[in-house]
Amino acid sequence: MSAATLFPKPLPAGGTIGVAAPASPQDARSEVLRGIEWWEAHGYRVKLAEGVYDRDDFVAGDARSRAADLTALFADPEVDVVQTLQGGHGSAQTIPHIDFDVVAANPKPFVGYSDITSLHLAFLHHTGLATVYGNGLVGVGDPQTTAFTRERLLAVLNGKAEAEIPRDPDDPYVRAVGGGKVTAPLVGGCLWLVMQTLGTPWEIDLEGAIFFFEDVKAPPYYIDGQLTQLRHAGKLDGVVGVVVGEMKDCDWGDQRQASDWARSRSLEDVLEERLAPLGVPVLYKLPLGHGKHLASLPLGVRYTLDADRRTLALEEPPFRA
């Protein structure tokens, strides 16, 4: 499934944010408290899942418990939005243990990014739920998170964001790798996590879709290999457009230990070679990913990708009253 069929209500004034930790744990309690205080300062309540503070090496507790926390927040009538603590690692471990019937019966805006890509794709596959690629609780509380990022998240969740995805306020340049215009549902996330869905029941479906991806600290030869695998797997055959978000520290110059052979081709060289032959509109460098600014992005809903004007605009609301 590439198009959402289930649409939650937007975040109401004074609503409650339920927070679960399906991936990596917090490093310090203040990370959680900062996020809570940010939401409270904007007039909202925060309800933490039972296992938010759990730790099991690089994940926040065992997979069944993390899945149970997610399911419980969807079932909780007090919770209006389900936000993840953060990304990191381990979200995919929870998928076999989530009660998707509960999620489908209680649709709510679901927010997270990076490792949370696994859950976005699983929710879309199993329930048709439209979700939001945006900061977790730790992210909104991080002192380095920009006002642009925070304000965009609030606007999206409140159903008041402008249709056109904003450009990076520090560097508004956006490049078209392939021209044209198309309107279609947009799906994807962090490329490394997208690859991990291949061969699973919730494998990404890109037929008739705009494929969105971003990544961090993945050198050009990684990206080349991943896009090559997607092409060999037939996943790019039905794509009608591509949006490449911010590729943070993904060029050879960003990898200080890269060998000479690895820097003979730039990231843009790879994007041109692997994406331009698709013959579809391709846009690169909107603030969607691990960079300084993150423009929260609804997933599973229709957008118009106009590579000639270098714009991406929402065509249907991700939330419904």
Protein backbone atom coordinates (compact mmCIF):
# COMPACT_ATOMS: atom_id res chain seq x y z
CA MET A 1 0.00 0.00 0.00
CA SER A 2 1.39 3.40 -0.97
CA ALA A 3 -1.63 5.62 -0.25
CA ALA A 4 -3.08 6.24 3.20
CA THR A 5 -6.71 5.30 3.73
CA LEU A 6 -6.98 6.09 7.46
CA PHE A 7 -6.75 9.68 8.67
CA PRO A 8 -6.60 10.74 12.33
CA LYS A 9 -7.87 13.95 13.86
CA PRO A 10 -5.46 16.89 14.24
CA LEU A 11 -4.00 17.80 17.63
CA PRO A 12 -6.57 19.87 19.56
CA ALA A 13 -5.70 22.86 21.70
CA GLY A 14 -4.62 21.65 25.14
CA GLY A 15 -4.39 18.06 23.90
CA THR A 16 -2.24 15.25 25.24
CA ILE A 17 0.96 13.93 23.68
CA GLY A 18 1.59 10.27 24.46
CA VAL A 19 5.26 9.29 24.29
CA ALA A 20 6.70 5.81 23.81
CA ALA A 21 10.28 4.66 23.20
CA PRO A 22 10.21 2.04 20.42
CA ALA A 23 13.86 2.51 19.46
CA SER A 24 16.89 3.72 21.42
CA PRO A 25 16.74 4.82 25.07
CA GLN A 26 17.36 8.26 26.50
CA ASP A 27 20.90 9.06 27.57
CA ALA A 28 19.89 11.39 30.41
CA ARG A 29 16.58 12.07 32.10
CA SER A 30 16.89 15.77 31.30
CA GLU A 31 16.46 14.89 27.60
CA VAL A 32 12.94 13.71 28.40
CA LEU A 33 12.17 16.54 30.81
CA ARG A 34 13.20 19.20 28.28
CA GLY A 35 10.73 17.79 25.75
CA ILE A 36 7.93 17.63 28.32
CA GLU A 37 8.53 21.25 29.34
CA TRP A 38 8.48 22.39 25.71
CA TRP A 39 5.06 20.83 25.13
CA GLU A 40 3.73 22.17 28.43
CA ALA A 41 4.97 25.66 27.59
CA HIS A 42 2.73 25.50 24.50
CA GLY A 43 -0.34 24.50 26.49
CA TYR A 44 -0.25 20.70 26.00
CA ARG A 45 -0.01 17.75 28.35
CA VAL A 46 2.48 14.88 28.05
CA LYS A 47 1.75 11.32 29.08
CA LEU A 48 4.75 8.99 29.16
CA ALA A 49 4.40 5.30 28.36
CA GLU A 50 5.37 2.91 31.12
CA GLY A 51 8.69 1.94 29.55
CA VAL A 52 9.99 5.33 28.42
CA TYR A 53 12.94 5.18 30.82
CA ASP A 54 13.78 1.51 30.22
CA ARG A 55 17.20 0.53 28.88
CA ASP A 56 18.50 -2.65 27.32
CA ASP A 57 21.88 -1.68 25.89
CA PHE A 58 21.09 0.17 22.63
CA VAL A 59 17.29 -0.21 22.82
CA ALA A 60 14.69 0.99 25.32
CA GLY A 61 13.70 -2.36 26.80
CA ASP A 62 12.57 -5.64 25.25
CA ALA A 63 10.67 -5.61 21.96
CA ARG A 64 7.36 -6.87 23.36
CA SER A 65 7.28 -4.18 26.04
CA ARG A 66 8.10 -1.42 23.56
CA ALA A 67 5.34 -2.65 21.25
CA ALA A 68 2.89 -2.87 24.16
CA ASP A 69 3.63 0.75 25.07
CA LEU A 70 2.87 1.89 21.52
CA THR A 71 -0.36 -0.12 21.41
CA ALA A 72 -1.44 1.22 24.80
CA LEU A 73 -1.00 4.85 23.73
CA PHE A 74 -3.19 4.32 20.67
CA ALA A 75 -5.84 2.68 22.87
CA ASP A 76 -5.68 5.40 25.55
CA PRO A 77 -8.64 7.81 25.14
CA GLU A 78 -6.67 10.59 26.88
CA VAL A 79 -3.93 10.59 24.21
CA ASP A 80 -4.37 12.74 21.09
CA VAL A 81 -0.95 12.27 19.43
CA VAL A 82 1.53 9.40 19.70
CA GLN A 83 5.10 10.71 19.58
CA THR A 84 8.21 8.57 19.76
CA LEU A 85 10.97 9.36 22.22
CA GLN A 86 13.61 9.36 19.46
CA GLY A 87 15.09 7.22 16.71
CA GLY A 88 18.38 5.36 16.93
CA HIS A 89 17.91 1.62 16.57
CA GLY A 90 15.41 -1.15 17.19
CA SER A 91 12.00 0.03 15.97
CA ALA A 92 11.67 -2.88 13.54
CA GLN A 93 11.99 -5.35 16.43
CA THR A 94 8.62 -4.18 17.78
CA ILE A 95 6.57 -4.65 14.60
CA PRO A 96 5.59 -8.34 15.05
CA HIS A 97 4.28 -7.50 18.53
CA ILE A 98 2.14 -4.42 17.75
CA ASP A 99 -1.63 -4.90 17.80
CA PHE A 100 -2.49 -3.22 14.51
CA ASP A 101 -6.21 -3.78 15.06
CA VAL A 102 -5.99 -1.45 18.05
CA VAL A 103 -4.09 1.13 16.00
CA ALA A 104 -6.66 0.96 13.19
CA ALA A 105 -9.54 1.33 15.64
CA ASN A 106 -7.94 4.35 17.30
CA PRO A 107 -6.20 6.38 14.58
CA LYS A 108 -3.99 9.17 15.93
CA PRO A 109 -1.19 11.28 14.50
CA PHE A 110 2.02 9.28 14.88
CA VAL A 111 5.31 11.21 14.90
CA GLY A 112 8.96 10.20 14.61
CA TYR A 113 11.78 9.96 12.10
CA SER A 114 15.03 8.20 11.23
CA ASP A 115 14.80 4.67 12.74
CA ILE A 116 11.04 5.24 13.14
CA THR A 117 10.81 4.80 9.34
CA SER A 118 10.17 1.10 10.03
CA LEU A 119 7.02 1.94 11.98
CA HIS A 120 5.75 4.47 9.45
CA LEU A 121 5.89 1.81 6.75
CA ALA A 122 4.41 -0.90 8.97
CA PHE A 123 1.49 1.32 10.04
CA LEU A 124 0.80 2.24 6.42
CA HIS A 125 0.91 -1.40 5.31
CA HIS A 126 -1.19 -2.87 8.13
CA THR A 127 -3.68 -0.04 8.76
CA GLY A 128 -3.41 2.58 6.00
CA LEU A 129 -2.63 5.23 8.64
CA ALA A 130 -1.26 8.60 7.50
CA THR A 131 1.70 9.47 9.75
CA VAL A 132 4.19 12.32 10.26
CA TYR A 133 7.95 12.21 9.65
CA GLY A 134 9.09 14.61 12.38
CA ASN A 135 10.96 15.03 15.64
CA GLY A 136 10.49 12.83 18.66
CA LEU A 137 10.26 14.14 22.22
CA VAL A 138 14.03 14.36 22.66
CA GLY A 139 14.25 16.34 19.43
CA VAL A 140 11.71 19.00 20.38
CA GLY A 141 13.49 19.48 23.70
CA ASP A 142 17.01 19.57 22.27
CA PRO A 143 18.46 23.09 22.68
CA GLN A 144 19.98 22.80 19.20
CA THR A 145 16.61 22.18 17.54
CA THR A 146 15.61 25.27 15.59
CA ALA A 147 12.46 27.37 15.87
CA PHE A 148 11.79 26.50 12.20
CA THR A 149 11.68 22.79 13.08
CA ARG A 150 9.51 23.18 16.18
CA GLU A 151 7.04 25.59 14.58
CA ARG A 152 6.67 23.37 11.53
CA LEU A 153 5.87 20.33 13.71
CA LEU A 154 3.19 22.23 15.62
CA ALA A 155 1.67 23.61 12.43
CA VAL A 156 1.50 20.15 10.85
CA LEU A 157 -0.06 18.51 13.91
CA ASN A 158 -2.56 21.35 14.27
CA GLY A 159 -3.54 20.99 10.62
CA LYS A 160 -2.43 24.56 9.89
CA ALA A 161 0.78 24.08 7.92
CA GLU A 162 1.10 25.69 4.50
CA ALA A 163 0.70 23.22 1.65
CA GLU A 164 4.12 23.89 0.12
CA ILE A 165 7.02 22.26 1.97
CA PRO A 166 9.26 25.15 3.09
CA ARG A 167 12.85 25.42 1.97
CA ASP A 168 15.84 25.54 4.30
CA PRO A 169 15.82 29.08 5.75
CA ASP A 170 19.64 29.14 5.76
CA ASP A 171 20.10 27.70 2.27
CA PRO A 172 16.97 27.86 0.09
CA TYR A 173 18.63 26.24 -2.92
CA VAL A 174 16.78 23.17 -4.20
CA ARG A 175 17.98 21.20 -7.23
CA ALA A 176 15.92 19.35 -9.83
CA VAL A 177 17.69 16.16 -10.94
CA GLY A 178 14.83 15.26 -13.29
CA GLY A 179 12.10 17.57 -14.64
CA GLY A 180 8.34 17.31 -14.80
CA LYS A 181 5.29 17.42 -12.56
CA VAL A 182 3.26 14.71 -10.88
CA THR A 183 0.61 14.29 -8.16
CA ALA A 184 0.75 11.08 -6.11
CA PRO A 185 1.03 9.73 -2.56
CA LEU A 186 4.44 10.17 -0.93
CA VAL A 187 6.07 7.37 1.06
CA GLY A 188 9.53 6.59 2.41
CA GLY A 189 11.89 7.79 5.11
CA CYS A 190 15.50 7.12 6.06
CA LEU A 191 16.98 5.12 3.18
CA TRP A 192 18.88 2.65 5.37
CA LEU A 193 15.64 1.76 7.20
CA VAL A 194 13.69 1.56 3.95
CA MET A 195 16.15 -1.09 2.79
CA GLN A 196 15.52 -3.10 5.96
CA THR A 197 11.87 -3.57 4.97
CA LEU A 198 12.73 -5.53 1.83
CA GLY A 199 11.56 -9.13 2.12
CA THR A 200 9.26 -8.36 5.07
CA PRO A 201 5.44 -8.34 5.04
CA TRP A 202 5.59 -4.53 5.37
CA GLU A 203 8.05 -4.11 2.50
CA ILE A 204 7.81 -0.60 1.05
CA ASP A 205 5.33 -0.25 -1.81
CA LEU A 206 6.38 2.41 -4.32
CA GLU A 207 3.99 1.58 -7.15
CA GLY A 208 2.46 4.86 -8.34
CA ALA A 209 4.15 6.74 -5.50
CA ILE A 210 6.55 9.60 -4.93
CA PHE A 211 9.55 8.03 -3.20
CA PHE A 212 11.00 10.16 -0.39
CA PHE A 213 14.31 9.33 1.19
CA GLU A 214 17.04 10.91 3.28
CA ASP A 215 20.01 9.57 5.24
CA VAL A 216 22.95 10.46 7.46
CA LYS A 217 26.63 9.44 7.36
CA ALA A 218 26.11 7.18 4.35
CA PRO A 219 28.89 7.81 1.79
CA PRO A 220 28.07 7.93 -1.93
CA TYR A 221 29.01 4.29 -2.54
CA TYR A 222 26.50 3.23 0.16
CA ILE A 223 23.76 5.27 -1.52
CA ASP A 224 24.77 3.91 -4.91
CA GLY A 225 24.50 0.34 -3.65
CA GLN A 226 21.14 0.90 -1.99
CA LEU A 227 19.57 2.57 -5.03
CA THR A 228 21.02 -0.18 -7.23
CA GLN A 229 19.44 -2.83 -5.01
CA LEU A 230 16.06 -1.08 -5.11
CA ARG A 231 16.27 -0.95 -8.91
CA HIS A 232 17.23 -4.65 -9.16
CA ALA A 233 14.38 -5.53 -6.79
CA GLY A 234 11.93 -3.76 -9.11
CA LYS A 235 11.04 -1.22 -6.45
CA LEU A 236 11.77 1.79 -8.65
CA ASP A 237 9.90 0.52 -11.72
CA GLY A 238 6.58 2.06 -10.71
CA VAL A 239 7.88 5.20 -9.00
CA VAL A 240 6.35 8.40 -10.43
CA GLY A 241 8.59 10.90 -8.64
CA VAL A 242 11.47 11.11 -6.16
CA VAL A 243 12.15 13.56 -3.33
CA VAL A 244 15.65 13.35 -1.89
CA GLY A 245 15.76 15.19 1.41
CA GLU A 246 18.85 16.25 3.28
CA MET A 247 21.73 13.79 2.98
CA LYS A 248 23.60 14.81 6.12
CA ASP A 249 27.34 14.01 6.04
CA CYS A 250 26.84 11.76 3.01
CA ASP A 251 29.35 13.23 0.55
CA TRP A 252 32.90 11.97 0.36
CA GLY A 253 34.18 15.22 1.88
CA ASP A 254 32.06 14.55 4.96
CA GLN A 255 33.73 11.19 5.57
CA ARG A 256 37.19 12.21 6.74
CA GLN A 257 38.53 8.68 6.71
CA ALA A 258 37.24 7.87 3.23
CA SER A 259 39.77 6.27 0.93
CA ASP A 260 40.70 7.85 -2.40
CA TRP A 261 38.67 5.36 -4.46
CA ALA A 262 35.53 6.23 -2.51
CA ARG A 263 35.71 9.93 -3.33
CA SER A 264 35.93 9.69 -7.09
CA ARG A 265 32.16 10.16 -7.34
CA SER A 266 30.07 12.70 -5.46
CA LEU A 267 26.64 12.14 -3.97
CA GLU A 268 25.07 14.23 -6.73
CA ASP A 269 26.88 12.08 -9.31
CA VAL A 270 25.20 9.04 -7.78
CA LEU A 271 21.77 10.68 -7.71
CA GLU A 272 22.11 11.69 -11.33
CA GLU A 273 23.22 8.24 -12.46
CA ARG A 274 20.62 6.27 -10.48
CA LEU A 275 17.59 8.56 -10.53
CA ALA A 276 17.67 10.63 -13.73
CA PRO A 277 17.17 7.51 -15.96
CA LEU A 278 13.85 6.85 -14.21
CA GLY A 279 12.41 9.65 -16.33
CA VAL A 280 10.36 11.09 -13.46
CA PRO A 281 10.50 14.39 -11.54
CA VAL A 282 13.32 14.32 -8.98
CA LEU A 283 13.93 17.03 -6.38
CA TYR A 284 16.93 17.24 -4.05
CA LYS A 285 17.71 19.23 -0.91
CA LEU A 286 14.51 20.19 0.85
CA PRO A 287 15.07 20.28 4.67
CA LEU A 288 13.78 16.78 5.27
CA GLY A 289 16.10 14.68 7.37
CA HIS A 290 18.94 14.82 9.86
CA GLY A 291 20.15 18.35 9.16
CA LYS A 292 19.87 21.56 11.16
CA HIS A 293 16.25 22.09 10.07
CA LEU A 294 13.51 19.48 9.70
CA ALA A 295 10.23 20.33 7.99
CA SER A 296 7.86 17.74 9.44
CA LEU A 297 6.38 15.77 6.55
CA PRO A 298 3.05 13.90 6.47
CA LEU A 299 3.49 10.46 4.85
CA GLY A 300 1.08 8.39 2.78
CA VAL A 301 -0.87 11.39 1.46
CA ARG A 302 -0.92 13.01 -1.99
CA TYR A 303 1.53 15.72 -2.98
CA THR A 304 2.25 17.59 -6.17
CA LEU A 305 5.93 17.37 -7.02
CA ASP A 306 6.81 20.07 -9.55
CA ALA A 307 10.48 19.66 -10.40
CA ASP A 308 10.36 22.48 -12.95
CA ARG A 309 9.29 24.94 -10.22
CA ARG A 310 11.31 22.97 -7.65
CA THR A 311 8.41 22.67 -5.23
CA LEU A 312 6.65 19.95 -3.25
CA ALA A 313 3.13 20.74 -2.06
CA LEU A 314 0.55 18.81 -0.05
CA GLU A 315 -2.65 18.08 -1.99
CA GLU A 316 -4.79 16.49 0.72
CA PRO A 317 -4.99 16.92 4.49
CA PRO A 318 -3.26 14.20 6.52
CA PHE A 319 -5.80 14.66 9.33
CA ARG A 320 -9.59 14.76 9.18
CA ALA A 321 -12.06 16.13 11.71
